[in-house]
C-alpha atoms as a PDB file:
ATOM      1  CA  MET A   1      -0.819   4.476 -10.146  1.00  0.00           C
ATOM      2  CA  LYS A   2       1.902   2.792  -8.128  1.00  0.00           C
ATOM      3  CA  THR A   3       0.480   1.110  -5.039  1.00  0.00           C
ATOM      4  CA  ALA A   4       2.669  -0.677  -2.493  1.00  0.00           C
ATOM      5  CA  MET A   5       1.887  -3.062   0.332  1.00  0.00           C
ATOM      6  CA  PHE A   6       3.952  -2.897   3.508  1.00  0.00           C
ATOM      7  CA  GLY A   7       2.967  -5.796   5.732  1.00  0.00           C
ATOM      8  CA  GLY A   8       4.169  -6.923   9.116  1.00  0.00           C
ATOM      9  CA  SER A   9       3.249  -7.619  12.687  1.00  0.00           C
ATOM     10  CA  PHE A  10       3.899  -3.962  13.720  1.00  0.00           C
ATOM     11  CA  ASN A  11       4.240  -5.165  17.285  1.00  0.00           C
ATOM     12  CA  PRO A  12       4.463  -2.259  17.951  1.00  0.00           C
ATOM     13  CA  VAL A  13       4.680   0.090  14.964  1.00  0.00           C
ATOM     14  CA  HIS A  14       7.564   2.534  15.433  1.00  0.00           C
ATOM     15  CA  LEU A  15       9.010   5.662  13.838  1.00  0.00           C
ATOM     16  CA  GLY A  16      11.407   3.558  11.765  1.00  0.00           C
ATOM     17  CA  HIS A  17       8.404   2.079   9.967  1.00  0.00           C
ATOM     18  CA  VAL A  18       7.086   5.576   9.261  1.00  0.00           C
ATOM     19  CA  LYS A  19      10.467   6.733   7.988  1.00  0.00           C
ATOM     20  CA  LEU A  20      10.713   3.670   5.742  1.00  0.00           C
ATOM     21  CA  VAL A  21       7.317   4.344   4.139  1.00  0.00           C
ATOM     22  CA  LYS A  22       8.240   7.980   3.468  1.00  0.00           C
ATOM     23  CA  LYS A  23      11.576   6.927   1.952  1.00  0.00           C
ATOM     24  CA  ALA A  24       9.984   4.249  -0.254  1.00  0.00           C
ATOM     25  CA  MET A  25       7.369   6.701  -1.537  1.00  0.00           C
ATOM     26  CA  GLU A  26      10.058   9.228  -2.371  1.00  0.00           C
ATOM     27  CA  THR A  27      12.566   6.773  -3.908  1.00  0.00           C
ATOM     28  CA  PHE A  28      10.130   4.804  -6.062  1.00  0.00           C
ATOM     29  CA  SER A  29       7.532   7.543  -6.749  1.00  0.00           C
ATOM     30  CA  LEU A  30       4.791   5.519  -5.065  1.00  0.00           C
ATOM     31  CA  ASP A  31       1.309   7.014  -5.087  1.00  0.00           C
ATOM     32  CA  LYS A  32       0.029   4.932  -2.177  1.00  0.00           C
ATOM     33  CA  VAL A  33       1.415   2.635   0.502  1.00  0.00           C
ATOM     34  CA  ILE A  34      -1.019   0.278   2.224  1.00  0.00           C
ATOM     35  CA  ILE A  35       0.155  -0.657   5.707  1.00  0.00           C
ATOM     36  CA  MET A  36      -1.079  -4.184   6.386  1.00  0.00           C
ATOM     37  CA  PRO A  37      -0.865  -5.491   9.962  1.00  0.00           C
ATOM     38  CA  THR A  38      -0.964  -9.286  10.047  1.00  0.00           C
ATOM     39  CA  TYR A  39      -3.475 -11.284  12.064  1.00  0.00           C
ATOM     40  CA  SER A  40      -0.736 -13.790  12.812  1.00  0.00           C
ATOM     41  CA  THR A  41       2.488 -14.592  11.005  1.00  0.00           C
ATOM     42  CA  PRO A  42       3.536 -18.041   9.712  1.00  0.00           C
ATOM     43  CA  LEU A  43       7.239 -17.375  10.311  1.00  0.00           C
ATOM     44  CA  LYS A  44       7.106 -15.804  13.786  1.00  0.00           C
ATOM     45  CA  ASP A  45       6.384 -16.792  17.355  1.00  0.00           C
ATOM     46  CA  ASN A  46       3.038 -15.102  17.981  1.00  0.00           C
ATOM     47  CA  SER A  47       3.116 -15.467  21.778  1.00  0.00           C
ATOM     48  CA  GLU A  48       4.245 -11.848  22.329  1.00  0.00           C
ATOM     49  CA  PHE A  49       1.710 -10.360  19.935  1.00  0.00           C
ATOM     50  CA  ALA A  50      -0.483  -7.531  21.082  1.00  0.00           C
ATOM     51  CA  ASP A  51      -4.110  -7.996  20.084  1.00  0.00           C
ATOM     52  CA  ALA A  52      -4.633  -7.567  16.308  1.00  0.00           C
ATOM     53  CA  ASP A  53      -7.076  -4.691  16.804  1.00  0.00           C
ATOM     54  CA  ALA A  54      -4.569  -2.894  19.052  1.00  0.00           C
ATOM     55  CA  ARG A  55      -1.810  -3.221  16.451  1.00  0.00           C
ATOM     56  CA  TYR A  56      -4.187  -1.928  13.777  1.00  0.00           C
ATOM     57  CA  ASP A  57      -5.150   1.040  15.983  1.00  0.00           C
ATOM     58  CA  MET A  58      -1.483   1.858  16.637  1.00  0.00           C
ATOM     59  CA  CYS A  59      -0.734   1.802  12.901  1.00  0.00           C
ATOM     60  CA  CYS A  60      -3.633   4.185  12.271  1.00  0.00           C
ATOM     61  CA  LEU A  61      -2.196   6.577  14.859  1.00  0.00           C
ATOM     62  CA  ALA A  62       1.358   6.348  13.500  1.00  0.00           C
ATOM     63  CA  PHE A  63       0.416   6.941   9.849  1.00  0.00           C
ATOM     64  CA  GLU A  64      -2.574   9.285  10.173  1.00  0.00           C
ATOM     65  CA  ASN A  65      -0.644  12.353   8.976  1.00  0.00           C
ATOM     66  CA  ILE A  66       1.333  10.689   6.167  1.00  0.00           C
ATOM     67  CA  ASP A  67      -0.063  11.612   2.731  1.00  0.00           C
ATOM     68  CA  GLY A  68      -0.536   8.543   0.559  1.00  0.00           C
ATOM     69  CA  ALA A  69      -0.338   6.072   3.455  1.00  0.00           C
ATOM     70  CA  GLU A  70      -3.381   4.121   4.546  1.00  0.00           C
ATOM     71  CA  VAL A  71      -3.827   1.273   7.012  1.00  0.00           C
ATOM     72  CA  SER A  72      -5.821  -1.812   6.017  1.00  0.00           C
ATOM     73  CA  ASP A  73      -7.391  -4.449   8.263  1.00  0.00           C
ATOM     74  CA  MET A  74      -7.754  -6.901   5.361  1.00  0.00           C
ATOM     75  CA  GLU A  75      -5.496  -9.599   6.873  1.00  0.00           C
ATOM     76  CA  ILE A  76      -6.944  -9.089  10.348  1.00  0.00           C
ATOM     77  CA  ARG A  77     -10.493  -9.571   9.059  1.00  0.00           C
ATOM     78  CA  ARG A  78      -9.418 -12.709   7.183  1.00  0.00           C
ATOM     79  CA  GLU A  79      -8.002 -14.131  10.453  1.00  0.00           C
ATOM     80  CA  GLY A  80      -5.747 -17.183  10.542  1.00  0.00           C
ATOM     81  CA  LYS A  81      -2.181 -17.025   9.278  1.00  0.00           C
ATOM     82  CA  SER A  82      -1.433 -14.159   6.894  1.00  0.00           C
ATOM     83  CA  TYR A  83      -0.124 -15.246   3.500  1.00  0.00           C
ATOM     84  CA  THR A  84       1.224 -12.517   1.258  1.00  0.00           C
ATOM     85  CA  TYR A  85       0.074 -14.104  -2.004  1.00  0.00           C
ATOM     86  CA  LEU A  86      -3.570 -14.068  -0.862  1.00  0.00           C
ATOM     87  CA  THR A  87      -3.359 -10.419   0.137  1.00  0.00           C
ATOM     88  CA  LEU A  88      -1.778  -9.441  -3.178  1.00  0.00           C
ATOM     89  CA  ILE A  89      -4.542 -11.246  -5.071  1.00  0.00           C
ATOM     90  CA  SER A  90      -7.127  -9.241  -3.103  1.00  0.00           C
ATOM     91  CA  LEU A  91      -5.251  -5.975  -3.678  1.00  0.00           C
ATOM     92  CA  LYS A  92      -5.023  -6.639  -7.421  1.00  0.00           C
ATOM     93  CA  GLU A  93      -8.795  -7.094  -7.510  1.00  0.00           C
ATOM     94  CA  LEU A  94      -9.211  -3.754  -5.721  1.00  0.00           C
ATOM     95  CA  TYR A  95      -6.563  -1.882  -7.743  1.00  0.00           C
ATOM     96  CA  LEU A  96      -6.879  -3.597 -11.104  1.00  0.00           C
ATOM     97  CA  ASP A  97      -5.037  -0.959 -13.116  1.00  0.00           C
ATOM     98  CA  ASP A  98      -2.333  -0.173 -10.548  1.00  0.00           C
ATOM     99  CA  GLU A  99       1.259  -1.383 -10.609  1.00  0.00           C
ATOM    100  CA  LEU A 100       1.689  -3.251  -7.312  1.00  0.00           C
ATOM    101  CA  TYR A 101       4.792  -3.235  -5.139  1.00  0.00           C
ATOM    102  CA  LEU A 102       5.678  -5.238  -2.025  1.00  0.00           C
ATOM    103  CA  ILE A 103       8.018  -3.658   0.546  1.00  0.00           C
ATOM    104  CA  ILE A 104      10.040  -6.188   2.573  1.00  0.00           C
ATOM    105  CA  GLY A 105      13.250  -6.302   4.609  1.00  0.00           C
ATOM    106  CA  ALA A 106      16.410  -7.929   3.281  1.00  0.00           C
ATOM    107  CA  ASP A 107      16.126 -10.789   5.779  1.00  0.00           C
ATOM    108  CA  MET A 108      12.662 -11.670   4.458  1.00  0.00           C
ATOM    109  CA  PHE A 109      13.793 -11.306   0.843  1.00  0.00           C
ATOM    110  CA  MET A 110      16.424 -13.998   1.386  1.00  0.00           C
ATOM    111  CA  THR A 111      13.657 -16.530   2.090  1.00  0.00           C
ATOM    112  CA  ILE A 112      10.839 -15.220  -0.138  1.00  0.00           C
ATOM    113  CA  ASP A 113      11.159 -18.147  -2.532  1.00  0.00           C
ATOM    114  CA  LYS A 114      10.253 -20.437   0.418  1.00  0.00           C
ATOM    115  CA  TRP A 115       7.001 -18.534   1.108  1.00  0.00           C
ATOM    116  CA  MET A 116       3.628 -19.895   0.084  1.00  0.00           C
ATOM    117  CA  LYS A 117       3.182 -19.563  -3.711  1.00  0.00           C
ATOM    118  CA  PRO A 118       6.144 -17.243  -4.472  1.00  0.00           C
ATOM    119  CA  ASP A 119       5.342 -17.458  -8.185  1.00  0.00           C
ATOM    120  CA  VAL A 120       2.035 -15.658  -7.535  1.00  0.00           C
ATOM    121  CA  ILE A 121       3.856 -12.987  -5.508  1.00  0.00           C
ATOM    122  CA  PHE A 122       6.409 -12.444  -8.296  1.00  0.00           C
ATOM    123  CA  ASP A 123       3.681 -12.287 -10.922  1.00  0.00           C
ATOM    124  CA  LEU A 124       1.588  -9.705  -9.083  1.00  0.00           C
ATOM    125  CA  ALA A 125       4.141  -7.352  -7.494  1.00  0.00           C
ATOM    126  CA  ASN A 126       7.506  -5.703  -7.865  1.00  0.00           C
ATOM    127  CA  ILE A 127       9.613  -6.257  -4.738  1.00  0.00           C
ATOM    128  CA  ILE A 128      11.212  -3.319  -2.907  1.00  0.00           C
ATOM    129  CA  VAL A 129      13.985  -4.690  -0.684  1.00  0.00           C
ATOM    130  CA  VAL A 130      15.029  -2.687   2.376  1.00  0.00           C
ATOM    131  CA  PRO A 131      18.593  -3.384   3.605  1.00  0.00           C
ATOM    132  CA  ARG A 132      19.217  -3.826   7.328  1.00  0.00           C
ATOM    133  CA  ASN A 133      22.155  -2.458   9.286  1.00  0.00           C
ATOM    134  CA  GLY A 134      24.536  -5.224  10.295  1.00  0.00           C
ATOM    135  CA  GLY A 135      22.952  -7.718   7.935  1.00  0.00           C
ATOM    136  CA  SER A 136      25.349  -9.765   5.810  1.00  0.00           C
ATOM    137  CA  TYR A 137      22.791 -10.645   3.153  1.00  0.00           C
ATOM    138  CA  ASP A 138      23.868 -11.082  -0.466  1.00  0.00           C
ATOM    139  CA  ILE A 139      20.801  -9.347  -1.828  1.00  0.00           C
ATOM    140  CA  GLN A 140      22.177  -8.915  -5.347  1.00  0.00           C
ATOM    141  CA  SER A 141      22.868 -12.641  -5.770  1.00  0.00           C
ATOM    142  CA  GLN A 142      19.417 -13.482  -4.441  1.00  0.00           C
ATOM    143  CA  ALA A 143      17.837 -10.968  -6.821  1.00  0.00           C
ATOM    144  CA  GLU A 144      19.738 -12.492  -9.766  1.00  0.00           C
ATOM    145  CA  LYS A 145      18.668 -16.006  -8.771  1.00  0.00           C
ATOM    146  CA  LEU A 146      15.029 -15.012  -8.350  1.00  0.00           C
ATOM    147  CA  ARG A 147      14.944 -13.011 -11.572  1.00  0.00           C
ATOM    148  CA  GLU A 148      14.963 -16.349 -13.390  1.00  0.00           C
ATOM    149  CA  LYS A 149      11.712 -17.136 -11.530  1.00  0.00           C
ATOM    150  CA  GLY A 150      10.101 -13.883 -12.627  1.00  0.00           C
ATOM    151  CA  CYS A 151      10.975 -11.750  -9.589  1.00  0.00           C
ATOM    152  CA  ARG A 152      11.396  -8.024 -10.224  1.00  0.00           C
ATOM    153  CA  ALA A 153      13.399  -6.738  -7.247  1.00  0.00           C
ATOM    154  CA  PHE A 154      14.509  -3.177  -6.497  1.00  0.00           C
ATOM    155  CA  LEU A 155      16.945  -2.376  -3.707  1.00  0.00           C
ATOM    156  CA  MET A 156      16.566   0.670  -1.483  1.00  0.00           C
ATOM    157  CA  ASP A 157      19.967   2.333  -1.399  1.00  0.00           C
ATOM    158  CA  LYS A 158      20.608   2.250   2.369  1.00  0.00           C
ATOM    159  CA  PRO A 159      19.096   1.108   5.659  1.00  0.00           C
ATOM    160  CA  VAL A 160      16.357   3.363   6.984  1.00  0.00           C
ATOM    161  CA  TYR A 161      16.329   2.431  10.674  1.00  0.00           C
ATOM    162  CA  ASP A 162      18.290   0.410  13.221  1.00  0.00           C
ATOM    163  CA  VAL A 163      15.695  -0.480  15.820  1.00  0.00           C
ATOM    164  CA  SER A 164      13.381  -3.502  15.803  1.00  0.00           C
ATOM    165  CA  SER A 165       9.984  -3.999  17.412  1.00  0.00           C
ATOM    166  CA  THR A 166      11.555  -6.756  19.546  1.00  0.00           C
ATOM    167  CA  GLU A 167      14.051  -4.239  20.986  1.00  0.00           C
ATOM    168  CA  ILE A 168      11.269  -1.729  21.596  1.00  0.00           C
ATOM    169  CA  ARG A 169       9.189  -4.278  23.513  1.00  0.00           C
ATOM    170  CA  GLU A 170      12.204  -4.945  25.719  1.00  0.00           C
ATOM    171  CA  LYS A 171      12.764  -1.218  26.279  1.00  0.00           C
ATOM    172  CA  LEU A 172       9.087  -0.850  27.202  1.00  0.00           C
ATOM    173  CA  ARG A 173       9.442  -3.620  29.779  1.00  0.00           C
ATOM    174  CA  GLN A 174      12.478  -1.783  31.184  1.00  0.00           C
ATOM    175  CA  ASN A 175      10.480   1.480  31.243  1.00  0.00           C
ATOM    176  CA  GLU A 176      13.072   3.248  29.067  1.00  0.00           C
ATOM    177  CA  ASP A 177      12.478   6.588  27.339  1.00  0.00           C
ATOM    178  CA  LEU A 178      11.092   5.832  23.867  1.00  0.00           C
ATOM    179  CA  ARG A 179      10.083   9.296  22.689  1.00  0.00           C
ATOM    180  CA  LEU A 180      12.600   9.144  19.819  1.00  0.00           C
ATOM    181  CA  LEU A 181      11.446   5.705  18.689  1.00  0.00           C
ATOM    182  CA  LEU A 182       7.661   5.764  19.024  1.00  0.00           C
ATOM    183  CA  ASP A 183       5.037   8.238  17.874  1.00  0.00           C
ATOM    184  CA  LYS A 184       3.715  10.104  20.907  1.00  0.00           C
ATOM    185  CA  LYS A 185       0.146   8.918  20.288  1.00  0.00           C
ATOM    186  CA  VAL A 186       1.317   5.306  19.935  1.00  0.00           C
ATOM    187  CA  LEU A 187       3.232   5.533  23.211  1.00  0.00           C
ATOM    188  CA  GLU A 188       0.149   6.916  24.945  1.00  0.00           C
ATOM    189  CA  TYR A 189      -1.961   4.088  23.463  1.00  0.00           C
ATOM    190  CA  ILE A 190       0.502   1.485  24.758  1.00  0.00           C
ATOM    191  CA  LYS A 191       0.529   3.065  28.185  1.00  0.00           C
ATOM    192  CA  SER A 192      -3.266   3.392  28.434  1.00  0.00           C
ATOM    193  CA  GLY A 193      -3.740  -0.244  27.342  1.00  0.00           C
ATOM    194  CA  ASN A 194      -0.948  -1.564  29.547  1.00  0.00           C
ATOM    195  CA  LEU A 195       0.580  -3.278  26.513  1.00  0.00           C
ATOM    196  CA  TYR A 196       3.960  -5.034  26.594  1.00  0.00           C
ATOM    197  CA  GLY A 197       4.140  -4.661  30.385  1.00  0.00           C
ATOM    198  CA  TYR A 198       4.574  -0.889  30.088  1.00  0.00           C
END
């Protein structure tokens, strides 16, 4: 079995995330993708974060009809800052015989060797790198450099979405129409909870 982890703040989760998971499953013949909302993120300003439980709930709504996708609250239950190597260790214990993958954006891949215990990450998981539109990242050179450290990186052939959660939060504050960017149930959840000033 091929099992992938797709972590992030998902603040909020949007249709680009859903499209990315579908594309990764198709491209790399993944059997399962575990969507892993963080409790808090070491590399981000957490001041604009919606409550962890709300972000988990929104992910459940966004992915509920996607075969092979499941949402985990593992990092939320652990609390504190979310470190990828710890989560991968836990996933390996749960899925001992599975081949693990980690799905990350190109911007994150360029700094992955600065993360906590990158050697553990490289040992436990293959890395699926998702390019970003407008990004001038030399992914191939980074992959070559990290290969010497045991990193097994695979590049998705093209960007999957243009929008970011930061842009969506701004559009919500401006009360813009987001029906093409957010799952209908997620938008209703945001509205009913008065999240992001919407």
